[in-house]
Amino acid sequence: MYSDIVLIVIFDPQGNTEYFQTSGDKIRFFFEEGVFDDKGEFIVPKQRSLNKVGHALHAHEPLFKKVTHSSKVQGVAKKLGLKSPVILQSMYIFKVKLHIVTPSDVHPLY
């Protein structure tokens, strides 16, 4: 059905590009931008700082692996007409409303 694979490479100015690029066969944690101070300490609550967990949950996390490889998911793939489906990535993406105050957010009072 789909013959093209799209690869999106994200440049991370914080220097974590290698961490991201080498995460395909591992479970790794990715945080929202601006949640750490210069010393690497959280400046927002930890439970609101996580962006995603990925990218190989289907290979290493038992419950995720069970669901991903289930007959129900295989049935969906067949109904979509996929001939040889392959699981490349799996992740949880957290949708947390997070506002971090930056210098541009601070306005002097007149």
N, C-alpha and C. Protein backbone atom coordinates (compact mmCIF):
# COMPACT_ATOMS: atom_id res chain seq x y z
N MET A 1 0.83 -1.18 0.00
CA MET A 1 0.00 0.00 0.00
C MET A 1 0.88 1.25 0.00
N TYR A 2 1.76 1.39 1.00
CA TYR A 2 2.67 2.51 1.05
C TYR A 2 4.05 2.03 0.64
N SER A 3 4.66 2.70 -0.32
CA SER A 3 5.96 2.26 -0.79
C SER A 3 7.10 3.14 -0.31
N ASP A 4 6.77 4.32 0.20
CA ASP A 4 7.81 5.24 0.65
C ASP A 4 7.89 5.25 2.17
N ILE A 5 9.10 5.40 2.67
CA ILE A 5 9.32 5.55 4.10
C ILE A 5 9.87 6.95 4.31
N VAL A 6 9.26 7.69 5.20
CA VAL A 6 9.70 9.05 5.48
C VAL A 6 10.52 9.03 6.76
N LEU A 7 11.71 9.60 6.71
CA LEU A 7 12.57 9.70 7.87
C LEU A 7 12.72 11.16 8.22
N ILE A 8 12.37 11.50 9.44
CA ILE A 8 12.50 12.87 9.91
C ILE A 8 13.62 12.89 10.93
N VAL A 9 14.64 13.69 10.68
CA VAL A 9 15.75 13.83 11.61
C VAL A 9 15.59 15.16 12.33
N ILE A 10 15.61 15.10 13.64
CA ILE A 10 15.43 16.30 14.44
C ILE A 10 16.78 16.75 14.96
N PHE A 11 17.13 18.01 14.72
CA PHE A 11 18.36 18.56 15.27
C PHE A 11 18.04 19.11 16.65
N ASP A 12 18.79 18.66 17.62
CA ASP A 12 18.59 19.08 19.00
C ASP A 12 19.76 19.95 19.43
N PRO A 13 19.57 21.25 19.55
CA PRO A 13 20.67 22.13 19.91
C PRO A 13 21.24 21.87 21.29
N GLN A 14 20.55 21.07 22.12
CA GLN A 14 21.06 20.76 23.44
C GLN A 14 22.08 19.62 23.39
N GLY A 15 22.36 19.09 22.22
CA GLY A 15 23.39 18.07 22.08
C GLY A 15 22.91 16.64 22.28
N ASN A 16 21.61 16.40 22.22
CA ASN A 16 21.08 15.06 22.43
C ASN A 16 20.74 14.34 21.13
N THR A 17 21.23 14.84 20.00
CA THR A 17 20.91 14.24 18.71
C THR A 17 21.33 12.78 18.67
N GLU A 18 22.51 12.45 19.14
CA GLU A 18 22.97 11.05 19.13
C GLU A 18 22.07 10.19 20.02
N TYR A 19 21.68 10.70 21.16
CA TYR A 19 20.78 9.98 22.07
C TYR A 19 19.48 9.62 21.35
N PHE A 20 18.95 10.58 20.59
CA PHE A 20 17.74 10.35 19.81
C PHE A 20 17.97 9.36 18.68
N GLN A 21 19.02 9.59 17.90
CA GLN A 21 19.27 8.78 16.71
C GLN A 21 19.61 7.33 17.03
N THR A 22 20.13 7.08 18.21
CA THR A 22 20.50 5.71 18.57
C THR A 22 19.46 5.06 19.48
N SER A 23 18.24 5.59 19.48
CA SER A 23 17.21 5.07 20.38
C SER A 23 16.28 4.05 19.74
N GLY A 24 16.50 3.73 18.49
CA GLY A 24 15.59 2.85 17.76
C GLY A 24 15.41 1.46 18.33
N ASP A 25 16.42 0.95 19.00
CA ASP A 25 16.33 -0.41 19.55
C ASP A 25 16.33 -0.40 21.08
N LYS A 26 15.98 0.74 21.67
CA LYS A 26 16.03 0.90 23.12
C LYS A 26 14.77 1.60 23.62
N ILE A 27 14.59 1.55 24.93
CA ILE A 27 13.56 2.37 25.57
C ILE A 27 14.30 3.55 26.18
N ARG A 28 13.97 4.74 25.71
CA ARG A 28 14.61 5.96 26.21
C ARG A 28 13.55 7.00 26.55
N PHE A 29 13.96 7.94 27.39
CA PHE A 29 13.07 8.99 27.86
C PHE A 29 13.48 10.32 27.26
N PHE A 30 12.49 11.08 26.80
CA PHE A 30 12.73 12.38 26.17
C PHE A 30 11.90 13.42 26.91
N PHE A 31 12.54 14.51 27.27
CA PHE A 31 11.90 15.54 28.08
C PHE A 31 11.56 16.77 27.25
N GLU A 32 10.61 17.54 27.76
CA GLU A 32 10.25 18.80 27.14
C GLU A 32 11.45 19.74 27.18
N GLU A 33 11.54 20.61 26.23
CA GLU A 33 12.60 21.60 26.21
C GLU A 33 12.40 22.58 27.37
N GLY A 34 13.48 22.92 28.03
CA GLY A 34 13.44 23.93 29.08
C GLY A 34 13.01 23.45 30.45
N VAL A 35 12.99 22.14 30.69
CA VAL A 35 12.57 21.65 32.00
C VAL A 35 13.73 21.51 32.99
N PHE A 36 14.96 21.69 32.52
CA PHE A 36 16.13 21.57 33.38
C PHE A 36 16.86 22.91 33.48
N ASP A 37 17.47 23.14 34.63
CA ASP A 37 18.32 24.33 34.76
C ASP A 37 19.72 24.00 34.25
N ASP A 38 20.64 24.92 34.39
CA ASP A 38 22.02 24.72 33.89
C ASP A 38 22.73 23.56 34.56
N LYS A 39 22.28 23.16 35.74
CA LYS A 39 22.92 22.07 36.48
C LYS A 39 22.24 20.72 36.22
N GLY A 40 21.22 20.72 35.38
CA GLY A 40 20.51 19.49 35.06
C GLY A 40 19.42 19.14 36.05
N GLU A 41 19.05 20.09 36.91
CA GLU A 41 17.99 19.88 37.89
C GLU A 41 16.65 20.31 37.29
N PHE A 42 15.59 19.62 37.66
CA PHE A 42 14.25 19.98 37.17
C PHE A 42 13.85 21.36 37.68
N ILE A 43 13.26 22.15 36.80
CA ILE A 43 12.71 23.44 37.21
C ILE A 43 11.19 23.43 37.11
N VAL A 44 10.64 22.32 36.70
CA VAL A 44 9.20 22.10 36.67
C VAL A 44 8.95 20.74 37.33
N PRO A 45 7.73 20.46 37.75
CA PRO A 45 7.46 19.15 38.35
C PRO A 45 7.83 18.02 37.38
N LYS A 46 8.49 17.00 37.90
CA LYS A 46 8.94 15.87 37.07
C LYS A 46 7.81 15.26 36.26
N GLN A 47 6.66 15.11 36.89
CA GLN A 47 5.53 14.46 36.21
C GLN A 47 4.97 15.29 35.06
N ARG A 48 5.40 16.53 34.92
CA ARG A 48 4.95 17.37 33.82
C ARG A 48 6.07 17.64 32.82
N SER A 49 7.21 17.00 32.98
CA SER A 49 8.37 17.32 32.15
C SER A 49 8.63 16.31 31.03
N LEU A 50 8.01 15.16 31.09
CA LEU A 50 8.27 14.10 30.11
C LEU A 50 7.51 14.35 28.82
N ASN A 51 8.20 14.26 27.70
CA ASN A 51 7.60 14.44 26.38
C ASN A 51 7.18 13.09 25.80
N LYS A 52 8.13 12.13 25.80
CA LYS A 52 7.78 10.81 25.27
C LYS A 52 8.74 9.76 25.81
N VAL A 53 8.29 8.51 25.67
CA VAL A 53 9.10 7.33 25.98
C VAL A 53 9.08 6.48 24.72
N GLY A 54 10.24 6.15 24.21
CA GLY A 54 10.31 5.37 22.98
C GLY A 54 11.73 4.86 22.80
N HIS A 55 12.01 4.22 21.81
CA HIS A 55 11.27 3.97 20.59
C HIS A 55 11.06 2.47 20.35
N ALA A 56 11.50 1.65 21.27
CA ALA A 56 11.37 0.20 21.06
C ALA A 56 10.56 -0.47 22.17
N LEU A 57 9.45 0.15 22.54
CA LEU A 57 8.59 -0.45 23.55
C LEU A 57 8.06 -1.80 23.08
N HIS A 58 7.78 -1.92 21.80
CA HIS A 58 7.25 -3.16 21.22
C HIS A 58 8.23 -4.33 21.34
N ALA A 59 9.50 -4.03 21.55
CA ALA A 59 10.53 -5.08 21.63
C ALA A 59 10.94 -5.41 23.06
N HIS A 60 10.78 -4.46 23.98
CA HIS A 60 11.34 -4.65 25.32
C HIS A 60 10.34 -4.59 26.47
N GLU A 61 9.23 -3.92 26.30
CA GLU A 61 8.26 -3.78 27.40
C GLU A 61 7.20 -4.86 27.22
N PRO A 62 7.09 -5.81 28.17
CA PRO A 62 6.24 -6.99 27.97
C PRO A 62 4.78 -6.71 27.59
N LEU A 63 4.10 -5.81 28.27
CA LEU A 63 2.69 -5.56 27.94
C LEU A 63 2.56 -4.89 26.57
N PHE A 64 3.42 -3.93 26.30
CA PHE A 64 3.40 -3.26 25.00
C PHE A 64 3.69 -4.28 23.89
N LYS A 65 4.64 -5.17 24.13
CA LYS A 65 4.99 -6.21 23.16
C LYS A 65 3.79 -7.14 22.90
N LYS A 66 3.11 -7.51 23.96
CA LYS A 66 1.95 -8.41 23.83
C LYS A 66 0.86 -7.79 22.98
N VAL A 67 0.54 -6.53 23.23
CA VAL A 67 -0.51 -5.85 22.48
C VAL A 67 -0.08 -5.63 21.03
N THR A 68 1.15 -5.14 20.84
CA THR A 68 1.64 -4.82 19.50
C THR A 68 1.64 -6.04 18.58
N HIS A 69 1.97 -7.20 19.13
CA HIS A 69 2.06 -8.41 18.32
C HIS A 69 0.79 -9.28 18.42
N SER A 70 -0.29 -8.71 18.91
CA SER A 70 -1.52 -9.46 19.09
C SER A 70 -2.21 -9.77 17.75
N SER A 71 -3.09 -10.74 17.80
CA SER A 71 -3.83 -11.10 16.59
C SER A 71 -4.75 -9.96 16.15
N LYS A 72 -5.22 -9.15 17.08
CA LYS A 72 -6.08 -8.01 16.71
C LYS A 72 -5.30 -6.99 15.88
N VAL A 73 -4.09 -6.68 16.30
CA VAL A 73 -3.28 -5.73 15.54
C VAL A 73 -2.89 -6.34 14.19
N GLN A 74 -2.57 -7.63 14.17
CA GLN A 74 -2.26 -8.29 12.90
C GLN A 74 -3.47 -8.26 11.97
N GLY A 75 -4.67 -8.41 12.53
CA GLY A 75 -5.89 -8.35 11.74
C GLY A 75 -6.10 -6.97 11.12
N VAL A 76 -5.81 -5.93 11.87
CA VAL A 76 -5.93 -4.57 11.34
C VAL A 76 -4.96 -4.38 10.18
N ALA A 77 -3.73 -4.86 10.34
CA ALA A 77 -2.73 -4.74 9.28
C ALA A 77 -3.20 -5.45 8.01
N LYS A 78 -3.78 -6.62 8.16
CA LYS A 78 -4.29 -7.36 7.00
C LYS A 78 -5.44 -6.62 6.32
N LYS A 79 -6.35 -6.05 7.14
CA LYS A 79 -7.48 -5.31 6.58
C LYS A 79 -7.03 -4.06 5.84
N LEU A 80 -5.90 -3.51 6.25
CA LEU A 80 -5.33 -2.34 5.56
C LEU A 80 -4.62 -2.73 4.28
N GLY A 81 -4.46 -4.03 4.05
CA GLY A 81 -3.81 -4.50 2.85
C GLY A 81 -2.29 -4.54 2.93
N LEU A 82 -1.76 -4.48 4.12
CA LEU A 82 -0.30 -4.53 4.27
C LEU A 82 0.18 -5.96 4.03
N LYS A 83 1.17 -6.11 3.19
CA LYS A 83 1.67 -7.45 2.82
C LYS A 83 2.66 -7.99 3.85
N SER A 84 3.63 -7.19 4.24
CA SER A 84 4.66 -7.61 5.21
C SER A 84 4.91 -6.48 6.20
N PRO A 85 3.96 -6.23 7.10
CA PRO A 85 4.13 -5.12 8.04
C PRO A 85 5.30 -5.34 8.99
N VAL A 86 5.98 -4.26 9.31
CA VAL A 86 7.11 -4.29 10.22
C VAL A 86 6.92 -3.17 11.23
N ILE A 87 7.17 -3.47 12.49
CA ILE A 87 7.06 -2.46 13.53
C ILE A 87 8.43 -1.81 13.67
N LEU A 88 8.50 -0.53 13.31
CA LEU A 88 9.77 0.19 13.37
C LEU A 88 9.95 0.95 14.67
N GLN A 89 8.88 1.53 15.16
CA GLN A 89 8.95 2.31 16.39
C GLN A 89 7.67 2.16 17.18
N SER A 90 7.81 2.34 18.47
CA SER A 90 6.64 2.39 19.34
C SER A 90 6.97 3.33 20.48
N MET A 91 5.98 4.11 20.87
CA MET A 91 6.26 5.09 21.92
C MET A 91 4.98 5.57 22.58
N TYR A 92 5.15 6.10 23.76
CA TYR A 92 4.11 6.88 24.41
C TYR A 92 4.49 8.34 24.21
N ILE A 93 3.54 9.14 23.77
CA ILE A 93 3.76 10.58 23.64
C ILE A 93 2.79 11.24 24.62
N PHE A 94 3.35 12.02 25.51
CA PHE A 94 2.57 12.67 26.54
C PHE A 94 2.15 14.06 26.07
N LYS A 95 0.89 14.37 26.21
CA LYS A 95 0.36 15.67 25.83
C LYS A 95 0.10 16.47 27.11
N VAL A 96 1.15 17.08 27.59
CA VAL A 96 1.07 17.84 28.84
C VAL A 96 1.14 19.32 28.50
N LYS A 97 0.17 20.06 29.00
CA LYS A 97 0.22 21.51 28.80
C LYS A 97 1.28 22.05 29.76
N LEU A 98 2.32 22.60 29.18
CA LEU A 98 3.45 23.06 29.98
C LEU A 98 3.85 24.43 29.50
N HIS A 99 3.89 25.37 30.40
CA HIS A 99 4.35 26.71 30.04
C HIS A 99 5.56 27.02 30.90
N ILE A 100 6.69 27.23 30.25
CA ILE A 100 7.92 27.56 30.94
C ILE A 100 8.19 29.04 30.71
N VAL A 101 8.40 29.76 31.77
CA VAL A 101 8.66 31.19 31.66
C VAL A 101 10.06 31.42 31.13
N THR A 102 10.15 32.17 30.06
CA THR A 102 11.43 32.52 29.47
C THR A 102 11.62 34.03 29.60
N PRO A 103 12.84 34.54 29.40
CA PRO A 103 13.06 35.98 29.51
C PRO A 103 12.11 36.82 28.65
N SER A 104 11.70 36.30 27.50
CA SER A 104 10.79 37.06 26.64
C SER A 104 9.38 37.14 27.23
N ASP A 105 9.07 36.28 28.21
CA ASP A 105 7.75 36.31 28.86
C ASP A 105 7.66 37.35 29.97
N VAL A 106 8.81 37.82 30.41
CA VAL A 106 8.85 38.75 31.54
C VAL A 106 8.81 40.17 31.01
N HIS A 107 7.83 40.94 31.48
CA HIS A 107 7.67 42.32 31.04
C HIS A 107 7.76 43.22 32.27
N PRO A 108 8.51 44.31 32.15
CA PRO A 108 8.60 45.21 33.30
C PRO A 108 7.26 45.89 33.59
N LEU A 109 7.03 46.14 34.84
CA LEU A 109 5.81 46.86 35.23
C LEU A 109 6.09 48.35 35.17
N TYR A 110 5.19 49.11 34.61
CA TYR A 110 5.37 50.57 34.49
C TYR A 110 4.46 51.28 35.43
